[in-house]
C-alpha cells in the first residue's frame, strides 16, 4: 500500500512512533495498534526500522526532485539568435 503524506503529516507520524518507543506497555493496550487484538503491535526494533525507512524515503524523493525537475510536459525551446 502506498500512502502519500505531506512532510508535516510524516513528521507527526514519526513523532508519535518515537514517543511510543518510551511507552511499550501502552502499545499492548492500544486496540488501534493491534487492530482489535488481531495482531501484535510493533516492537521497538520494528518501530526504529519503520522510522528509518520513512526518513530515507523522503530524503531520496527530495534529492530526485532536485535532479529532475518537472516542466509539466512542456518542450524546452532553444533560443533562436536573430541574424543582423
C-alpha atoms as a PDB file:
ATOM      1  CA  UNK A   1       0.000   0.000   0.000  1.00  0.00           C
ATOM      2  CA  UNK A   2       1.320   3.447  -0.903  1.00  0.00           C
ATOM      3  CA  UNK A   3       0.159   6.431   1.097  1.00  0.00           C
ATOM      4  CA  UNK A   4       1.216   9.936   0.100  1.00  0.00           C
ATOM      5  CA  UNK A   5       1.900  12.205   3.042  1.00  0.00           C
ATOM      6  CA  UNK A   6       2.875  15.808   3.394  1.00  0.00           C
ATOM      7  CA  UNK A   7       6.104  16.454   5.269  1.00  0.00           C
ATOM      8  CA  UNK A   8       4.044  17.744   8.183  1.00  0.00           C
ATOM      9  CA  UNK A   9       1.977  14.550   8.318  1.00  0.00           C
ATOM     10  CA  UNK A  10       5.092  12.393   8.053  1.00  0.00           C
ATOM     11  CA  UNK A  11       6.786  14.303  10.873  1.00  0.00           C
ATOM     12  CA  UNK A  12       3.740  13.875  13.118  1.00  0.00           C
ATOM     13  CA  UNK A  13       3.683  10.124  12.473  1.00  0.00           C
ATOM     14  CA  UNK A  14       7.423   9.870  13.152  1.00  0.00           C
ATOM     15  CA  UNK A  15       6.992  11.808  16.415  1.00  0.00           C
ATOM     16  CA  UNK A  16       4.155   9.526  17.507  1.00  0.00           C
ATOM     17  CA  UNK A  17       6.151   6.394  16.690  1.00  0.00           C
ATOM     18  CA  UNK A  18       9.182   7.689  18.561  1.00  0.00           C
ATOM     19  CA  UNK A  19       7.018   8.597  21.549  1.00  0.00           C
ATOM     20  CA  UNK A  20       5.713   5.020  21.563  1.00  0.00           C
ATOM     21  CA  UNK A  21       9.270   3.808  21.979  1.00  0.00           C
ATOM     22  CA  UNK A  22       9.048   5.240  25.508  1.00  0.00           C
ATOM     23  CA  UNK A  23       5.744   3.531  26.323  1.00  0.00           C
ATOM     24  CA  UNK A  24       5.781  -0.135  25.230  1.00  0.00           C
ATOM     25  CA  UNK A  25       3.003  -1.061  27.688  1.00  0.00           C
ATOM     26  CA  UNK A  26       0.682   1.479  26.051  1.00  0.00           C
ATOM     27  CA  UNK A  27       1.181  -0.219  22.678  1.00  0.00           C
ATOM     28  CA  UNK A  28      -0.097  -3.529  24.027  1.00  0.00           C
ATOM     29  CA  UNK A  29      -3.259  -1.886  25.336  1.00  0.00           C
ATOM     30  CA  UNK A  30      -3.994   0.145  22.197  1.00  0.00           C
ATOM     31  CA  UNK A  31      -6.757  -1.519  20.186  1.00  0.00           C
ATOM     32  CA  UNK A  32      -5.949   0.576  17.107  1.00  0.00           C
ATOM     33  CA  UNK A  33      -2.314  -0.586  17.070  1.00  0.00           C
ATOM     34  CA  UNK A  34      -3.419  -4.219  17.327  1.00  0.00           C
ATOM     35  CA  UNK A  35      -6.484  -3.916  15.081  1.00  0.00           C
ATOM     36  CA  UNK A  36      -8.706  -5.012  17.917  1.00  0.00           C
ATOM     37  CA  UNK A  37      -6.262  -7.681  19.106  1.00  0.00           C
ATOM     38  CA  UNK A  38      -5.831  -9.316  15.674  1.00  0.00           C
ATOM     39  CA  UNK A  39      -2.050  -8.861  15.711  1.00  0.00           C
ATOM     40  CA  UNK A  40       0.801  -7.787  17.952  1.00  0.00           C
ATOM     41  CA  UNK A  41       1.881  -4.146  17.937  1.00  0.00           C
ATOM     42  CA  UNK A  42       5.296  -3.299  16.521  1.00  0.00           C
ATOM     43  CA  UNK A  43       8.212  -3.825  18.881  1.00  0.00           C
ATOM     44  CA  UNK A  44      10.977  -1.258  19.420  1.00  0.00           C
ATOM     45  CA  UNK A  45      13.245  -2.517  16.641  1.00  0.00           C
ATOM     46  CA  UNK A  46      10.344  -2.614  14.151  1.00  0.00           C
ATOM     47  CA  UNK A  47       9.414   0.958  15.054  1.00  0.00           C
ATOM     48  CA  UNK A  48      13.036   2.076  14.642  1.00  0.00           C
ATOM     49  CA  UNK A  49      13.247   0.423  11.200  1.00  0.00           C
ATOM     50  CA  UNK A  50       9.957   1.992  10.117  1.00  0.00           C
ATOM     51  CA  UNK A  51      11.086   5.469  11.231  1.00  0.00           C
ATOM     52  CA  UNK A  52      14.364   4.998   9.364  1.00  0.00           C
ATOM     53  CA  UNK A  53      12.537   3.876   6.187  1.00  0.00           C
ATOM     54  CA  UNK A  54      10.165   6.838   6.306  1.00  0.00           C
ATOM     55  CA  UNK A  55      13.048   9.257   6.760  1.00  0.00           C
ATOM     56  CA  UNK A  56      15.145   7.719   3.965  1.00  0.00           C
ATOM     57  CA  UNK A  57      12.231   7.601   1.519  1.00  0.00           C
ATOM     58  CA  UNK A  58      11.566  11.286   1.960  1.00  0.00           C
ATOM     59  CA  UNK A  59      15.202  12.330   1.569  1.00  0.00           C
ATOM     60  CA  UNK A  60      15.546  10.209  -1.594  1.00  0.00           C
ATOM     61  CA  UNK A  61      12.406  11.800  -3.028  1.00  0.00           C
ATOM     62  CA  UNK A  62      13.728  15.290  -2.257  1.00  0.00           C
ATOM     63  CA  UNK A  63      17.039  14.512  -3.961  1.00  0.00           C
ATOM     64  CA  UNK A  64      15.295  13.070  -7.026  1.00  0.00           C
ATOM     65  CA  UNK A  65      13.079  16.142  -7.238  1.00  0.00           C
ATOM     66  CA  UNK A  66      16.108  18.431  -7.336  1.00  0.00           C
ATOM     67  CA  UNK A  67      17.800  16.365 -10.019  1.00  0.00           C
ATOM     68  CA  UNK A  68      14.827  16.002 -12.305  1.00  0.00           C
ATOM     69  CA  UNK A  69      12.508  18.961 -12.023  1.00  0.00           C
ATOM     70  CA  UNK A  70       9.257  18.678 -13.892  1.00  0.00           C
ATOM     71  CA  UNK A  71       8.368  21.018 -16.715  1.00  0.00           C
ATOM     72  CA  UNK A  72       4.809  19.609 -16.850  1.00  0.00           C
ATOM     73  CA  UNK A  73       5.382  18.046 -20.248  1.00  0.00           C
ATOM     74  CA  UNK A  74       6.429  21.254 -21.963  1.00  0.00           C
ATOM     75  CA  UNK A  75       9.207  21.006 -24.508  1.00  0.00           C
ATOM     76  CA  UNK A  76      12.271  23.053 -23.833  1.00  0.00           C
ATOM     77  CA  UNK A  77      12.770  25.572 -26.597  1.00  0.00           C
ATOM     78  CA  UNK A  78      16.179  26.743 -27.598  1.00  0.00           C
ATOM     79  CA  UNK A  79      16.599  30.440 -28.057  1.00  0.00           C
ATOM     80  CA  UNK A  80      16.941  31.482 -31.636  1.00  0.00           C
ATOM     81  CA  UNK A  81      19.577  34.056 -32.316  1.00  0.00           C
ATOM     82  CA  UNK A  82      18.488  36.869 -34.521  1.00  0.00           C
ATOM     83  CA  UNK A  83      20.659  37.437 -37.579  1.00  0.00           C
ATOM     84  CA  UNK A  84      21.530  41.065 -38.340  1.00  0.00           C
END
